[in-house]
C-alpha atoms as a PDB file:
ATOM      1  CA  MET A   1       0.000   0.000   0.000  1.00  0.00           C
ATOM      2  CA  ASN A   2       2.889   2.357   0.736  1.00  0.00           C
ATOM      3  CA  TRP A   3       4.259   1.876  -2.778  1.00  0.00           C
ATOM      4  CA  VAL A   4       0.972   2.981  -4.297  1.00  0.00           C
ATOM      5  CA  LEU A   5       1.010   6.148  -2.186  1.00  0.00           C
ATOM      6  CA  ILE A   6       4.639   6.904  -3.084  1.00  0.00           C
ATOM      7  CA  PHE A   7       4.077   6.438  -6.822  1.00  0.00           C
ATOM      8  CA  GLY A   8       0.854   8.439  -6.621  1.00  0.00           C
ATOM      9  CA  LEU A   9       2.687  11.340  -4.995  1.00  0.00           C
ATOM     10  CA  ILE A  10       5.457  11.145  -7.584  1.00  0.00           C
ATOM     11  CA  ALA A  11       2.860  11.194 -10.372  1.00  0.00           C
ATOM     12  CA  LEU A  12       1.078  14.138  -8.752  1.00  0.00           C
ATOM     13  CA  GLY A  13       4.358  16.032  -8.473  1.00  0.00           C
ATOM     14  CA  GLY A  14       5.111  15.338 -12.126  1.00  0.00           C
ATOM     15  CA  LEU A  15       1.670  16.546 -13.149  1.00  0.00           C
ATOM     16  CA  ILE A  16       2.040  19.763 -11.155  1.00  0.00           C
ATOM     17  CA  THR A  17       5.482  20.344 -12.676  1.00  0.00           C
ATOM     18  CA  THR A  18       4.179  19.728 -16.204  1.00  0.00           C
ATOM     19  CA  VAL A  19       1.239  22.110 -15.777  1.00  0.00           C
ATOM     20  CA  SER A  20       3.484  24.778 -14.234  1.00  0.00           C
ATOM     21  CA  PHE A  21       5.941  24.492 -17.107  1.00  0.00           C
ATOM     22  CA  ALA A  22       3.116  24.704 -19.663  1.00  0.00           C
ATOM     23  CA  VAL A  23       1.799  27.917 -18.075  1.00  0.00           C
ATOM     24  CA  TRP A  24       5.301  29.416 -17.983  1.00  0.00           C
ATOM     25  CA  LEU A  25       5.890  28.445 -21.608  1.00  0.00           C
ATOM     26  CA  TRP A  26       2.537  29.968 -22.645  1.00  0.00           C
ATOM     27  CA  HIS A  27       3.527  33.285 -21.034  1.00  0.00           C
ATOM     28  CA  LYS A  28       6.923  33.260 -22.726  1.00  0.00           C
ATOM     29  CA  ALA A  29       5.373  32.488 -26.120  1.00  0.00           C
ATOM     30  CA  SER A  30       2.900  35.322 -25.598  1.00  0.00           C
ATOM     31  CA  ASP A  31       5.809  37.688 -24.894  1.00  0.00           C
ATOM     32  CA  VAL A  32       7.627  36.548 -28.033  1.00  0.00           C
ATOM     33  CA  PHE A  33       4.526  37.014 -30.223  1.00  0.00           C
ATOM     34  CA  SER A  34       4.049  40.489 -28.745  1.00  0.00           C
ATOM     35  CA  GLU A  35       7.636  41.405 -29.621  1.00  0.00           C
ATOM     36  CA  VAL A  36       7.250  40.048 -33.164  1.00  0.00           C
ATOM     37  CA  LYS A  37       4.125  42.173 -33.596  1.00  0.00           C
ATOM     38  CA  MET A  38       6.018  45.253 -32.370  1.00  0.00           C
ATOM     39  CA  LEU A  39       8.859  44.432 -34.761  1.00  0.00           C
ATOM     40  CA  GLY A  40       6.358  44.418 -37.640  1.00  0.00           C
ATOM     41  CA  THR A  41       5.042  47.810 -36.504  1.00  0.00           C
ATOM     42  CA  ARG A  42       8.566  49.227 -36.354  1.00  0.00           C
ATOM     43  CA  ALA A  43       9.348  47.823 -39.808  1.00  0.00           C
ATOM     44  CA  GLY A  44       6.274  49.614 -41.169  1.00  0.00           C
ATOM     45  CA  GLU A  45       7.371  52.857 -39.533  1.00  0.00           C
ATOM     46  CA  LEU A  46      10.873  52.472 -40.969  1.00  0.00           C
ATOM     47  CA  SER A  47       9.417  51.839 -44.413  1.00  0.00           C
ATOM     48  CA  ALA A  48       7.325  55.023 -44.145  1.00  0.00           C
ATOM     49  CA  LEU A  49      10.369  57.033 -43.100  1.00  0.00           C
ATOM     50  CA  LEU A  50      12.512  55.636 -45.910  1.00  0.00           C
ATOM     51  CA  ALA A  51       9.785  56.486 -48.423  1.00  0.00           C
ATOM     52  CA  GLN A  52      10.079  60.150 -47.389  1.00  0.00           C
ATOM     53  CA  ILE A  53      13.778  60.358 -48.248  1.00  0.00           C
ATOM     54  CA  GLU A  54      14.377  62.189 -51.512  1.00  0.00           C
ATOM     55  CA  PRO A  55      17.594  61.560 -53.436  1.00  0.00           C
ATOM     56  CA  GLY A  56      19.981  64.467 -53.866  1.00  0.00           C
ATOM     57  CA  PRO A  57      20.705  66.205 -57.157  1.00  0.00           C
ATOM     58  CA  GLY A  58      22.294  64.045 -59.823  1.00  0.00           C
ATOM     59  CA  VAL A  59      20.928  60.801 -58.410  1.00  0.00           C
ATOM     60  CA  ARG A  60      18.679  58.887 -60.774  1.00  0.00           C
ATOM     61  CA  ARG A  61      15.808  56.769 -59.541  1.00  0.00           C
ATOM     62  CA  PRO A  62      15.566  53.301 -61.020  1.00  0.00           C
END
């Protein structure tokens, strides 16, 4: 009977660890997706700024 209790506690500990890791991983993935979205916003802003640059005299546009 003691072996059943020991293995049950080990299984419960493993389950708690797995769920905790999954929650932590979900938060980290959410942070990464947020940063990727911000990177896309910044790329759009950079594109808008680069579109405003006019070449100097004597420079031909393709």
